[in-house]
Amino acid sequence: HLRTLAEYFGVTPDYFTDEEVSERVRRQMEFAVALANN
């Protein structure tokens, strides 16, 4: 299920389990959301 979620949302499975990875992705998401383009 983690792999499925990761594949769908375009992240690595570590995003859901590793604080450092999730923080890095969170910062990237903030930037990407600001661009408003999937």
All heavy atoms as atom14 arrays in JSON, in Angstrom:
{
  "sequence": "HLRTLAEYFGVTPDYFTDEEVSERVRRQMEFAVALANN",
  "atom14_mask": [
    [1, 1, 1, 1, 1, 1, 1, 1, 1, 1, 0, 0, 0, 0],
    [1, 1, 1, 1, 1, 1, 1, 1, 0, 0, 0, 0, 0, 0],
    [1, 1, 1, 1, 1, 1, 1, 1, 1, 1, 1, 0, 0, 0],
    [1, 1, 1, 1, 1, 1, 1, 0, 0, 0, 0, 0, 0, 0],
    [1, 1, 1, 1, 1, 1, 1, 1, 0, 0, 0, 0, 0, 0],
    [1, 1, 1, 1, 1, 0, 0, 0, 0, 0, 0, 0, 0, 0],
    [1, 1, 1, 1, 1, 1, 1, 1, 1, 0, 0, 0, 0, 0],
    [1, 1, 1, 1, 1, 1, 1, 1, 1, 1, 1, 1, 0, 0],
    [1, 1, 1, 1, 1, 1, 1, 1, 1, 1, 1, 0, 0, 0],
    [1, 1, 1, 1, 0, 0, 0, 0, 0, 0, 0, 0, 0, 0],
    [1, 1, 1, 1, 1, 1, 1, 0, 0, 0, 0, 0, 0, 0],
    [1, 1, 1, 1, 1, 1, 1, 0, 0, 0, 0, 0, 0, 0],
    [1, 1, 1, 1, 1, 1, 1, 0, 0, 0, 0, 0, 0, 0],
    [1, 1, 1, 1, 1, 1, 1, 1, 0, 0, 0, 0, 0, 0],
    [1, 1, 1, 1, 1, 1, 1, 1, 1, 1, 1, 1, 0, 0],
    [1, 1, 1, 1, 1, 1, 1, 1, 1, 1, 1, 0, 0, 0],
    [1, 1, 1, 1, 1, 1, 1, 0, 0, 0, 0, 0, 0, 0],
    [1, 1, 1, 1, 1, 1, 1, 1, 0, 0, 0, 0, 0, 0],
    [1, 1, 1, 1, 1, 1, 1, 1, 1, 0, 0, 0, 0, 0],
    [1, 1, 1, 1, 1, 1, 1, 1, 1, 0, 0, 0, 0, 0],
    [1, 1, 1, 1, 1, 1, 1, 0, 0, 0, 0, 0, 0, 0],
    [1, 1, 1, 1, 1, 1, 0, 0, 0, 0, 0, 0, 0, 0],
    [1, 1, 1, 1, 1, 1, 1, 1, 1, 0, 0, 0, 0, 0],
    [1, 1, 1, 1, 1, 1, 1, 1, 1, 1, 1, 0, 0, 0],
    [1, 1, 1, 1, 1, 1, 1, 0, 0, 0, 0, 0, 0, 0],
    [1, 1, 1, 1, 1, 1, 1, 1, 1, 1, 1, 0, 0, 0],
    [1, 1, 1, 1, 1, 1, 1, 1, 1, 1, 1, 0, 0, 0],
    [1, 1, 1, 1, 1, 1, 1, 1, 1, 0, 0, 0, 0, 0],
    [1, 1, 1, 1, 1, 1, 1, 1, 0, 0, 0, 0, 0, 0],
    [1, 1, 1, 1, 1, 1, 1, 1, 1, 0, 0, 0, 0, 0],
    [1, 1, 1, 1, 1, 1, 1, 1, 1, 1, 1, 0, 0, 0],
    [1, 1, 1, 1, 1, 0, 0, 0, 0, 0, 0, 0, 0, 0],
    [1, 1, 1, 1, 1, 1, 1, 0, 0, 0, 0, 0, 0, 0],
    [1, 1, 1, 1, 1, 0, 0, 0, 0, 0, 0, 0, 0, 0],
    [1, 1, 1, 1, 1, 1, 1, 1, 0, 0, 0, 0, 0, 0],
    [1, 1, 1, 1, 1, 0, 0, 0, 0, 0, 0, 0, 0, 0],
    [1, 1, 1, 1, 1, 1, 1, 1, 0, 0, 0, 0, 0, 0],
    [1, 1, 1, 1, 1, 1, 1, 1, 0, 0, 0, 0, 0, 0]
  ],
  "atom14_positions": [
    [[0.83, -1.21, 0.0], [0.0, 0.0, 0.0], [0.87, 1.26, 0.0], [0.53, 2.25, -0.65], [-0.97, 0.0, 1.19], [-2.16, -0.85, 0.94], [-2.45, -1.96, 1.7], [-3.14, -0.76, 0.02], [-3.56, -2.51, 1.25], [-4.0, -1.81, 0.23], [0.0, 0.0, 0.0], [0.0, 0.0, 0.0], [0.0, 0.0, 0.0], [0.0, 0.0, 0.0]],
    [[1.98, 1.24, 0.73], [2.89, 2.39, 0.71], [3.44, 2.62, -0.69], [3.5, 3.76, -1.17], [4.05, 2.2, 1.69], [3.8, 2.52, 3.14], [5.07, 2.31, 3.95], [3.28, 3.93, 3.33], [0.0, 0.0, 0.0], [0.0, 0.0, 0.0], [0.0, 0.0, 0.0], [0.0, 0.0, 0.0], [0.0, 0.0, 0.0], [0.0, 0.0, 0.0]],
    [[3.84, 1.53, -1.35], [4.35, 1.65, -2.72], [3.27, 2.18, -3.65], [3.55, 3.0, -4.53], [4.88, 0.3, -3.21], [6.26, -0.03, -2.65], [6.87, -1.23, -3.36], [6.1, -2.45, -3.15], [6.32, -3.33, -2.19], [7.29, -3.14, -1.33], [5.57, -4.41, -2.09], [0.0, 0.0, 0.0], [0.0, 0.0, 0.0], [0.0, 0.0, 0.0]],
    [[2.04, 1.73, -3.46], [0.94, 2.19, -4.31], [0.7, 3.69, -4.09], [0.56, 4.45, -5.06], [-0.34, 1.39, -4.01], [-0.1, 0.01, -4.29], [-1.51, 1.87, -4.84], [0.0, 0.0, 0.0], [0.0, 0.0, 0.0], [0.0, 0.0, 0.0], [0.0, 0.0, 0.0], [0.0, 0.0, 0.0], [0.0, 0.0, 0.0], [0.0, 0.0, 0.0]],
    [[0.64, 4.11, -2.84], [0.46, 5.54, -2.55], [1.61, 6.36, -3.12], [1.4, 7.41, -3.72], [0.36, 5.77, -1.03], [-0.92, 5.34, -0.36], [-0.76, 5.38, 1.16], [-2.09, 6.21, -0.8], [0.0, 0.0, 0.0], [0.0, 0.0, 0.0], [0.0, 0.0, 0.0], [0.0, 0.0, 0.0], [0.0, 0.0, 0.0], [0.0, 0.0, 0.0]],
    [[2.83, 5.87, -2.92], [4.01, 6.58, -3.42], [3.97, 6.7, -4.94], [4.25, 7.78, -5.49], [5.28, 5.86, -2.97], [0.0, 0.0, 0.0], [0.0, 0.0, 0.0], [0.0, 0.0, 0.0], [0.0, 0.0, 0.0], [0.0, 0.0, 0.0], [0.0, 0.0, 0.0], [0.0, 0.0, 0.0], [0.0, 0.0, 0.0], [0.0, 0.0, 0.0]],
    [[3.62, 5.62, -5.61], [3.53, 5.66, -7.08], [2.48, 6.67, -7.53], [2.73, 7.48, -8.42], [3.18, 4.28, -7.62], [3.05, 4.22, -9.13], [2.64, 2.86, -9.64], [2.94, 1.85, -8.98], [2.0, 2.81, -10.71], [0.0, 0.0, 0.0], [0.0, 0.0, 0.0], [0.0, 0.0, 0.0], [0.0, 0.0, 0.0], [0.0, 0.0, 0.0]],
    [[1.33, 6.64, -6.91], [0.25, 7.54, -7.31], [0.63, 9.01, -7.1], [0.4, 9.85, -7.97], [-1.04, 7.22, -6.55], [-2.16, 8.16, -6.92], [-2.77, 8.08, -8.16], [-2.57, 9.16, -6.05], [-3.78, 8.96, -8.52], [-3.59, 10.04, -6.4], [-4.19, 9.94, -7.64], [-5.17, 10.81, -8.0], [0.0, 0.0, 0.0], [0.0, 0.0, 0.0]],
    [[1.22, 9.31, -5.95], [1.53, 10.7, -5.63], [2.9, 11.15, -6.15], [3.27, 12.3, -5.99], [1.43, 10.94, -4.12], [0.01, 10.93, -3.63], [-0.43, 9.9, -2.8], [-0.88, 11.91, -3.99], [-1.75, 9.88, -2.34], [-2.19, 11.89, -3.54], [-2.62, 10.87, -2.71], [0.0, 0.0, 0.0], [0.0, 0.0, 0.0], [0.0, 0.0, 0.0]],
    [[3.65, 10.23, -6.77], [4.93, 10.6, -7.37], [6.04, 10.85, -6.38], [6.89, 11.72, -6.62], [0.0, 0.0, 0.0], [0.0, 0.0, 0.0], [0.0, 0.0, 0.0], [0.0, 0.0, 0.0], [0.0, 0.0, 0.0], [0.0, 0.0, 0.0], [0.0, 0.0, 0.0], [0.0, 0.0, 0.0], [0.0, 0.0, 0.0], [0.0, 0.0, 0.0]],
    [[6.05, 10.12, -5.28], [7.11, 10.23, -4.28], [7.68, 8.83, -4.03], [7.15, 7.84, -4.52], [6.6, 10.82, -2.94], [6.12, 12.25, -3.15], [5.5, 9.98, -2.33], [0.0, 0.0, 0.0], [0.0, 0.0, 0.0], [0.0, 0.0, 0.0], [0.0, 0.0, 0.0], [0.0, 0.0, 0.0], [0.0, 0.0, 0.0], [0.0, 0.0, 0.0]],
    [[8.75, 8.76, -3.25], [9.27, 7.46, -2.86], [8.49, 6.98, -1.64], [7.96, 7.8, -0.87], [10.77, 7.53, -2.5], [10.92, 8.33, -1.33], [11.58, 8.11, -3.66], [0.0, 0.0, 0.0], [0.0, 0.0, 0.0], [0.0, 0.0, 0.0], [0.0, 0.0, 0.0], [0.0, 0.0, 0.0], [0.0, 0.0, 0.0], [0.0, 0.0, 0.0]],
    [[8.45, 5.66, -1.42], [7.76, 5.16, -0.22], [8.35, 5.74, 1.08], [7.64, 5.88, 2.07], [7.98, 3.64, -0.29], [8.12, 3.36, -1.75], [8.86, 4.56, -2.3], [0.0, 0.0, 0.0], [0.0, 0.0, 0.0], [0.0, 0.0, 0.0], [0.0, 0.0, 0.0], [0.0, 0.0, 0.0], [0.0, 0.0, 0.0], [0.0, 0.0, 0.0]],
    [[9.63, 6.11, 1.05], [10.26, 6.7, 2.24], [9.59, 7.98, 2.69], [9.7, 8.38, 3.84], [11.74, 6.99, 1.98], [12.58, 5.74, 1.85], [12.11, 4.66, 2.26], [13.7, 5.85, 1.34], [0.0, 0.0, 0.0], [0.0, 0.0, 0.0], [0.0, 0.0, 0.0], [0.0, 0.0, 0.0], [0.0, 0.0, 0.0], [0.0, 0.0, 0.0]],
    [[8.9, 8.65, 1.78], [8.19, 9.87, 2.16], [7.26, 9.61, 3.34], [7.13, 10.43, 4.24], [7.38, 10.43, 0.98], [6.37, 11.46, 1.42], [6.76, 12.76, 1.7], [5.03, 11.12, 1.62], [5.86, 13.7, 2.15], [4.11, 12.06, 2.06], [4.53, 13.34, 2.33], [3.63, 14.26, 2.79], [0.0, 0.0, 0.0], [0.0, 0.0, 0.0]],
    [[6.63, 8.45, 3.37], [5.64, 8.13, 4.39], [6.27, 7.63, 5.69], [5.6, 7.6, 6.72], [4.65, 7.09, 3.87], [3.82, 7.61, 2.73], [4.1, 7.24, 1.43], [2.77, 8.49, 2.94], [3.35, 7.73, 0.37], [2.02, 8.99, 1.89], [2.31, 8.61, 0.6], [0.0, 0.0, 0.0], [0.0, 0.0, 0.0], [0.0, 0.0, 0.0]],
    [[7.54, 7.24, 5.66], [8.15, 6.61, 6.84], [9.38, 7.32, 7.39], [9.76, 7.07, 8.52], [8.55, 5.16, 6.51], [9.51, 5.16, 5.43], [7.35, 4.32, 6.13], [0.0, 0.0, 0.0], [0.0, 0.0, 0.0], [0.0, 0.0, 0.0], [0.0, 0.0, 0.0], [0.0, 0.0, 0.0], [0.0, 0.0, 0.0], [0.0, 0.0, 0.0]],
    [[9.98, 8.19, 6.62], [11.24, 8.82, 7.03], [11.04, 10.33, 7.19], [10.67, 11.01, 6.23], [12.31, 8.53, 5.97], [13.67, 9.07, 6.33], [13.83, 10.31, 6.38], [14.59, 8.26, 6.55], [0.0, 0.0, 0.0], [0.0, 0.0, 0.0], [0.0, 0.0, 0.0], [0.0, 0.0, 0.0], [0.0, 0.0, 0.0], [0.0, 0.0, 0.0]],
    [[11.28, 10.84, 8.37], [11.05, 12.26, 8.67], [11.87, 13.17, 7.77], [11.36, 14.19, 7.28], [11.37, 12.53, 10.14], [11.11, 13.97, 10.57], [9.64, 14.35, 10.49], [8.77, 13.5, 10.74], [9.35, 15.51, 10.15], [0.0, 0.0, 0.0], [0.0, 0.0, 0.0], [0.0, 0.0, 0.0], [0.0, 0.0, 0.0], [0.0, 0.0, 0.0]],
    [[13.13, 12.84, 7.54], [13.98, 13.69, 6.71], [13.47, 13.73, 5.27], [13.38, 14.81, 4.67], [15.42, 13.16, 6.73], [16.4, 14.03, 5.99], [17.82, 13.5, 6.09], [18.24, 13.14, 7.2], [18.49, 13.45, 5.04], [0.0, 0.0, 0.0], [0.0, 0.0, 0.0], [0.0, 0.0, 0.0], [0.0, 0.0, 0.0], [0.0, 0.0, 0.0]],
    [[13.1, 12.59, 4.74], [12.58, 12.54, 3.37], [11.26, 13.29, 3.29], [11.04, 14.08, 2.37], [12.4, 11.08, 2.9], [11.68, 11.01, 1.56], [13.76, 10.38, 2.8], [0.0, 0.0, 0.0], [0.0, 0.0, 0.0], [0.0, 0.0, 0.0], [0.0, 0.0, 0.0], [0.0, 0.0, 0.0], [0.0, 0.0, 0.0], [0.0, 0.0, 0.0]],
    [[10.38, 13.07, 4.24], [9.07, 13.73, 4.19], [9.22, 15.24, 4.31], [8.49, 15.99, 3.65], [8.11, 13.19, 5.24], [8.55, 13.49, 6.54], [0.0, 0.0, 0.0], [0.0, 0.0, 0.0], [0.0, 0.0, 0.0], [0.0, 0.0, 0.0], [0.0, 0.0, 0.0], [0.0, 0.0, 0.0], [0.0, 0.0, 0.0], [0.0, 0.0, 0.0]],
    [[10.16, 15.71, 5.11], [10.38, 17.15, 5.23], [10.91, 17.73, 3.93], [10.48, 18.8, 3.49], [11.34, 17.45, 6.39], [11.65, 18.92, 6.59], [10.42, 19.8, 6.84], [9.38, 19.3, 7.32], [10.49, 21.01, 6.54], [0.0, 0.0, 0.0], [0.0, 0.0, 0.0], [0.0, 0.0, 0.0], [0.0, 0.0, 0.0], [0.0, 0.0, 0.0]],
    [[11.85, 17.04, 3.3], [12.39, 17.51, 2.03], [11.27, 17.55, 0.97], [11.13, 18.54, 0.25], [13.53, 16.59, 1.56], [14.2, 17.08, 0.3], [15.41, 16.25, -0.1], [15.0, 14.91, -0.48], [15.42, 13.79, 0.1], [16.27, 13.84, 1.1], [14.99, 12.62, -0.31], [0.0, 0.0, 0.0], [0.0, 0.0, 0.0], [0.0, 0.0, 0.0]],
    [[10.45, 16.5, 0.92], [9.35, 16.47, -0.04], [8.32, 17.54, 0.29], [7.78, 18.19, -0.6], [8.71, 15.06, -0.1], [7.43, 15.07, -0.91], [9.71, 14.06, -0.67], [0.0, 0.0, 0.0], [0.0, 0.0, 0.0], [0.0, 0.0, 0.0], [0.0, 0.0, 0.0], [0.0, 0.0, 0.0], [0.0, 0.0, 0.0], [0.0, 0.0, 0.0]],
    [[8.06, 17.75, 1.58], [7.09, 18.79, 1.98], [7.53, 20.15, 1.46], [6.72, 20.92, 0.92], [6.95, 18.83, 3.5], [5.86, 19.81, 3.98], [5.94, 20.09, 5.46], [7.2, 20.71, 5.85], [7.54, 21.99, 5.59], [6.72, 22.76, 4.93], [8.7, 22.47, 5.98], [0.0, 0.0, 0.0], [0.0, 0.0, 0.0], [0.0, 0.0, 0.0]],
    [[8.82, 20.46, 1.58], [9.32, 21.74, 1.06], [9.17, 21.81, -0.46], [8.78, 22.84, -1.0], [10.79, 21.95, 1.46], [10.97, 22.29, 2.92], [12.38, 22.74, 3.25], [13.4, 21.83, 2.75], [13.95, 20.83, 3.47], [13.56, 20.62, 4.72], [14.86, 20.06, 2.94], [0.0, 0.0, 0.0], [0.0, 0.0, 0.0], [0.0, 0.0, 0.0]],
    [[9.43, 20.7, -1.12], [9.26, 20.65, -2.57], [7.8, 20.83, -2.95], [7.48, 21.51, -3.93], [9.78, 19.33, -3.14], [11.27, 19.18, -3.03], [11.73, 17.77, -3.36], [10.92, 16.84, -3.37], [13.01, 17.61, -3.6], [0.0, 0.0, 0.0], [0.0, 0.0, 0.0], [0.0, 0.0, 0.0], [0.0, 0.0, 0.0], [0.0, 0.0, 0.0]],
    [[6.92, 20.2, -2.17], [5.49, 20.32, -2.46], [5.02, 21.75, -2.31], [4.22, 22.24, -3.11], [4.66, 19.4, -1.55], [4.73, 17.96, -1.93], [3.6, 16.91, -1.0], [4.09, 17.15, 0.68], [0.0, 0.0, 0.0], [0.0, 0.0, 0.0], [0.0, 0.0, 0.0], [0.0, 0.0, 0.0], [0.0, 0.0, 0.0], [0.0, 0.0, 0.0]],
    [[5.5, 22.44, -1.29], [5.1, 23.84, -1.11], [5.48, 24.66, -2.34], [4.69, 25.47, -2.82], [5.77, 24.42, 0.14], [5.17, 23.93, 1.42], [5.89, 24.47, 2.64], [6.94, 25.14, 2.5], [5.42, 24.2, 3.75], [0.0, 0.0, 0.0], [0.0, 0.0, 0.0], [0.0, 0.0, 0.0], [0.0, 0.0, 0.0], [0.0, 0.0, 0.0]],
    [[6.66, 24.43, -2.84], [7.1, 25.14, -4.03], [6.26, 24.74, -5.24], [5.77, 25.59, -5.99], [8.58, 24.86, -4.29], [9.09, 25.46, -5.56], [9.25, 26.83, -5.69], [9.39, 24.65, -6.64], [9.7, 27.38, -6.86], [9.85, 25.2, -7.83], [10.01, 26.57, -7.94], [0.0, 0.0, 0.0], [0.0, 0.0, 0.0], [0.0, 0.0, 0.0]],
    [[6.08, 23.45, -5.42], [5.33, 22.95, -6.57], [3.87, 23.39, -6.54], [3.3, 23.75, -7.57], [5.42, 21.44, -6.65], [0.0, 0.0, 0.0], [0.0, 0.0, 0.0], [0.0, 0.0, 0.0], [0.0, 0.0, 0.0], [0.0, 0.0, 0.0], [0.0, 0.0, 0.0], [0.0, 0.0, 0.0], [0.0, 0.0, 0.0], [0.0, 0.0, 0.0]],
    [[3.27, 23.38, -5.36], [1.88, 23.82, -5.25], [1.77, 25.28, -5.63], [0.81, 25.69, -6.28], [1.33, 23.56, -3.82], [0.02, 24.28, -3.59], [1.14, 22.06, -3.61], [0.0, 0.0, 0.0], [0.0, 0.0, 0.0], [0.0, 0.0, 0.0], [0.0, 0.0, 0.0], [0.0, 0.0, 0.0], [0.0, 0.0, 0.0], [0.0, 0.0, 0.0]],
    [[2.77, 26.05, -5.25], [2.74, 27.47, -5.62], [2.74, 27.63, -7.14], [2.17, 28.57, -7.66], [3.94, 28.19, -5.01], [0.0, 0.0, 0.0], [0.0, 0.0, 0.0], [0.0, 0.0, 0.0], [0.0, 0.0, 0.0], [0.0, 0.0, 0.0], [0.0, 0.0, 0.0], [0.0, 0.0, 0.0], [0.0, 0.0, 0.0], [0.0, 0.0, 0.0]],
    [[3.32, 26.69, -7.83], [3.32, 26.75, -9.29], [1.99, 26.3, -9.88], [1.7, 26.57, -11.04], [4.46, 25.88, -9.85], [5.86, 26.3, -9.45], [6.88, 25.32, -9.98], [6.16, 27.7, -9.96], [0.0, 0.0, 0.0], [0.0, 0.0, 0.0], [0.0, 0.0, 0.0], [0.0, 0.0, 0.0], [0.0, 0.0, 0.0], [0.0, 0.0, 0.0]],
    [[1.17, 25.6, -9.08], [-0.19, 25.2, -9.46], [-0.26, 24.43, -10.77], [-1.12, 24.67, -11.6], [-1.11, 26.42, -9.51], [0.0, 0.0, 0.0], [0.0, 0.0, 0.0], [0.0, 0.0, 0.0], [0.0, 0.0, 0.0], [0.0, 0.0, 0.0], [0.0, 0.0, 0.0], [0.0, 0.0, 0.0], [0.0, 0.0, 0.0], [0.0, 0.0, 0.0]],
    [[0.65, 23.49, -10.95], [0.63, 22.69, -12.16], [1.01, 21.25, -11.82], [2.11, 21.01, -11.34], [1.6, 23.27, -13.19], [1.56, 22.52, -14.5], [1.86, 21.34, -14.54], [1.21, 23.22, -15.56], [0.0, 0.0, 0.0], [0.0, 0.0, 0.0], [0.0, 0.0, 0.0], [0.0, 0.0, 0.0], [0.0, 0.0, 0.0], [0.0, 0.0, 0.0]],
    [[0.11, 20.32, -12.09], [0.32, 18.92, -11.75], [1.57, 18.36, -12.42], [2.34, 17.63, -11.8], [-0.91, 18.09, -12.15], [-0.82, 16.67, -11.71], [-0.28, 16.37, -10.65], [-1.35, 15.76, -12.51], [0.0, 0.0, 0.0], [0.0, 0.0, 0.0], [0.0, 0.0, 0.0], [0.0, 0.0, 0.0], [0.0, 0.0, 0.0], [0.0, 0.0, 0.0]]
  ]
}
